Amino acid sequence: MVILLTKVIVIRPSRCIGCSTCALTCSLVHHGEFNPQRANIRIVRDDFAGRFELRFSSSCNECKQCARVCPSGALQLVELSGESGVNDR
């Protein structure tokens, strides 16, 4: 049996401070420029609730760079383990 470790992004919108570090990093990595309009993640402020909402576009390739640079912990990488079902003999 083989144990696989997979990293997934956990989103905690209540921790988002609206700094746009994730969007700026995404646009730089994928388009070579600091332009949040070209990022695969959007930070939307909900003025009524007083917090931010994080939205990923369908073109996101899940490179996880946004979570690696998030200073507030709104995006975090968490390692999940699971069995592959392959027998290791």
C-alpha atoms as a PDB file:
ATOM      1  CA  MET A   1       0.000   0.000   0.000  1.00  0.00           C
ATOM      2  CA  VAL A   2       1.274   3.461  -0.895  1.00  0.00           C
ATOM      3  CA  ILE A   3       0.389   6.531   1.139  1.00  0.00           C
ATOM      4  CA  LEU A   4      -0.006   9.641  -0.990  1.00  0.00           C
ATOM      5  CA  LEU A   5       0.452  13.127   0.427  1.00  0.00           C
ATOM      6  CA  THR A   6      -1.514  15.837  -1.316  1.00  0.00           C
ATOM      7  CA  LYS A   7      -1.519  19.522  -0.521  1.00  0.00           C
ATOM      8  CA  VAL A   8      -4.820  21.341  -0.817  1.00  0.00           C
ATOM      9  CA  ILE A   9      -5.721  24.989  -0.290  1.00  0.00           C
ATOM     10  CA  VAL A  10      -7.897  25.711   2.720  1.00  0.00           C
ATOM     11  CA  ILE A  11      -9.732  29.026   2.426  1.00  0.00           C
ATOM     12  CA  ARG A  12     -10.503  31.044   5.569  1.00  0.00           C
ATOM     13  CA  PRO A  13     -12.146  34.259   4.304  1.00  0.00           C
ATOM     14  CA  SER A  14     -12.507  35.654   7.829  1.00  0.00           C
ATOM     15  CA  ARG A  15      -8.700  35.961   7.967  1.00  0.00           C
ATOM     16  CA  CYS A  16      -8.397  37.873   4.674  1.00  0.00           C
ATOM     17  CA  ILE A  17      -7.084  41.431   5.102  1.00  0.00           C
ATOM     18  CA  GLY A  18      -7.578  42.434   1.460  1.00  0.00           C
ATOM     19  CA  CYS A  19      -3.881  42.975   0.762  1.00  0.00           C
ATOM     20  CA  SER A  20      -4.068  41.386  -2.744  1.00  0.00           C
ATOM     21  CA  THR A  21      -0.724  39.630  -2.290  1.00  0.00           C
ATOM     22  CA  CYS A  22      -2.299  36.424  -3.629  1.00  0.00           C
ATOM     23  CA  ALA A  23      -3.690  38.112  -6.757  1.00  0.00           C
ATOM     24  CA  LEU A  24      -0.485  40.027  -7.456  1.00  0.00           C
ATOM     25  CA  THR A  25       1.592  36.856  -7.095  1.00  0.00           C
ATOM     26  CA  CYS A  26      -0.782  34.905  -9.347  1.00  0.00           C
ATOM     27  CA  SER A  27      -0.616  37.490 -12.105  1.00  0.00           C
ATOM     28  CA  LEU A  28       3.172  37.731 -11.839  1.00  0.00           C
ATOM     29  CA  VAL A  29       3.694  33.956 -11.946  1.00  0.00           C
ATOM     30  CA  HIS A  30       1.293  33.355 -14.836  1.00  0.00           C
ATOM     31  CA  HIS A  31       1.482  36.588 -16.857  1.00  0.00           C
ATOM     32  CA  GLY A  32       4.767  38.211 -15.875  1.00  0.00           C
ATOM     33  CA  GLU A  33       3.187  41.375 -14.472  1.00  0.00           C
ATOM     34  CA  PHE A  34       1.670  42.723 -11.270  1.00  0.00           C
ATOM     35  CA  ASN A  35      -1.922  43.089 -12.444  1.00  0.00           C
ATOM     36  CA  PRO A  36      -4.705  41.731 -10.228  1.00  0.00           C
ATOM     37  CA  GLN A  37      -7.116  41.922 -13.179  1.00  0.00           C
ATOM     38  CA  ARG A  38      -5.152  39.101 -14.845  1.00  0.00           C
ATOM     39  CA  ALA A  39      -5.029  36.901 -11.728  1.00  0.00           C
ATOM     40  CA  ASN A  40      -6.995  33.686 -11.315  1.00  0.00           C
ATOM     41  CA  ILE A  41      -8.136  34.800  -7.869  1.00  0.00           C
ATOM     42  CA  ARG A  42     -10.309  37.772  -6.986  1.00  0.00           C
ATOM     43  CA  ILE A  43     -10.659  39.509  -3.647  1.00  0.00           C
ATOM     44  CA  VAL A  44     -14.119  41.000  -3.281  1.00  0.00           C
ATOM     45  CA  ARG A  45     -14.959  43.245  -0.338  1.00  0.00           C
ATOM     46  CA  ASP A  46     -18.369  42.730   1.243  1.00  0.00           C
ATOM     47  CA  ASP A  47     -18.945  46.170   2.753  1.00  0.00           C
ATOM     48  CA  PHE A  48     -22.112  45.058   4.527  1.00  0.00           C
ATOM     49  CA  ALA A  49     -20.418  42.151   6.335  1.00  0.00           C
ATOM     50  CA  GLY A  50     -17.116  44.006   6.671  1.00  0.00           C
ATOM     51  CA  ARG A  51     -14.974  41.239   5.247  1.00  0.00           C
ATOM     52  CA  PHE A  52     -13.525  39.858   2.034  1.00  0.00           C
ATOM     53  CA  GLU A  53     -14.573  37.007  -0.215  1.00  0.00           C
ATOM     54  CA  LEU A  54     -12.005  35.015  -2.204  1.00  0.00           C
ATOM     55  CA  ARG A  55     -13.068  33.723  -5.616  1.00  0.00           C
ATOM     56  CA  PHE A  56     -11.056  31.511  -7.955  1.00  0.00           C
ATOM     57  CA  SER A  57     -11.643  31.636 -11.705  1.00  0.00           C
ATOM     58  CA  SER A  58     -12.245  28.511 -13.761  1.00  0.00           C
ATOM     59  CA  SER A  59      -8.847  29.084 -15.402  1.00  0.00           C
ATOM     60  CA  CYS A  60      -7.014  28.511 -12.089  1.00  0.00           C
ATOM     61  CA  ASN A  61      -4.553  25.644 -12.512  1.00  0.00           C
ATOM     62  CA  GLU A  62      -4.150  25.129  -8.747  1.00  0.00           C
ATOM     63  CA  CYS A  63      -0.446  25.969  -8.651  1.00  0.00           C
ATOM     64  CA  LYS A  64      -0.962  27.010  -5.003  1.00  0.00           C
ATOM     65  CA  GLN A  65       1.353  30.034  -5.221  1.00  0.00           C
ATOM     66  CA  CYS A  66      -1.394  32.224  -3.738  1.00  0.00           C
ATOM     67  CA  ALA A  67      -1.471  30.138  -0.546  1.00  0.00           C
ATOM     68  CA  ARG A  68       2.311  30.126  -0.257  1.00  0.00           C
ATOM     69  CA  VAL A  69       2.437  33.931  -0.086  1.00  0.00           C
ATOM     70  CA  CYS A  70      -0.718  34.739   1.928  1.00  0.00           C
ATOM     71  CA  PRO A  71       0.464  36.730   4.966  1.00  0.00           C
ATOM     72  CA  SER A  72      -2.759  36.443   6.988  1.00  0.00           C
ATOM     73  CA  GLY A  73      -3.537  32.740   6.703  1.00  0.00           C
ATOM     74  CA  ALA A  74      -6.701  33.265   4.659  1.00  0.00           C
ATOM     75  CA  LEU A  75      -5.211  30.803   2.160  1.00  0.00           C
ATOM     76  CA  GLN A  76      -3.292  27.926   3.685  1.00  0.00           C
ATOM     77  CA  LEU A  77      -1.736  24.749   2.331  1.00  0.00           C
ATOM     78  CA  VAL A  78      -2.771  21.662   4.254  1.00  0.00           C
ATOM     79  CA  GLU A  79      -1.338  18.225   3.617  1.00  0.00           C
ATOM     80  CA  LEU A  80      -3.827  15.392   3.252  1.00  0.00           C
ATOM     81  CA  SER A  81      -2.795  11.778   3.230  1.00  0.00           C
ATOM     82  CA  GLY A  82      -4.593   8.934   1.570  1.00  0.00           C
ATOM     83  CA  GLU A  83      -4.053   5.442   0.279  1.00  0.00           C
ATOM     84  CA  SER A  84      -3.501   4.913  -3.437  1.00  0.00           C
ATOM     85  CA  GLY A  85      -4.854   1.374  -3.465  1.00  0.00           C
ATOM     86  CA  VAL A  86      -1.626   0.151  -5.044  1.00  0.00           C
ATOM     87  CA  ASN A  87      -0.028  -2.792  -3.301  1.00  0.00           C
ATOM     88  CA  ASP A  88       3.662  -2.317  -2.700  1.00  0.00           C
ATOM     89  CA  ARG A  89       5.181  -5.815  -2.783  1.00  0.00           C
END
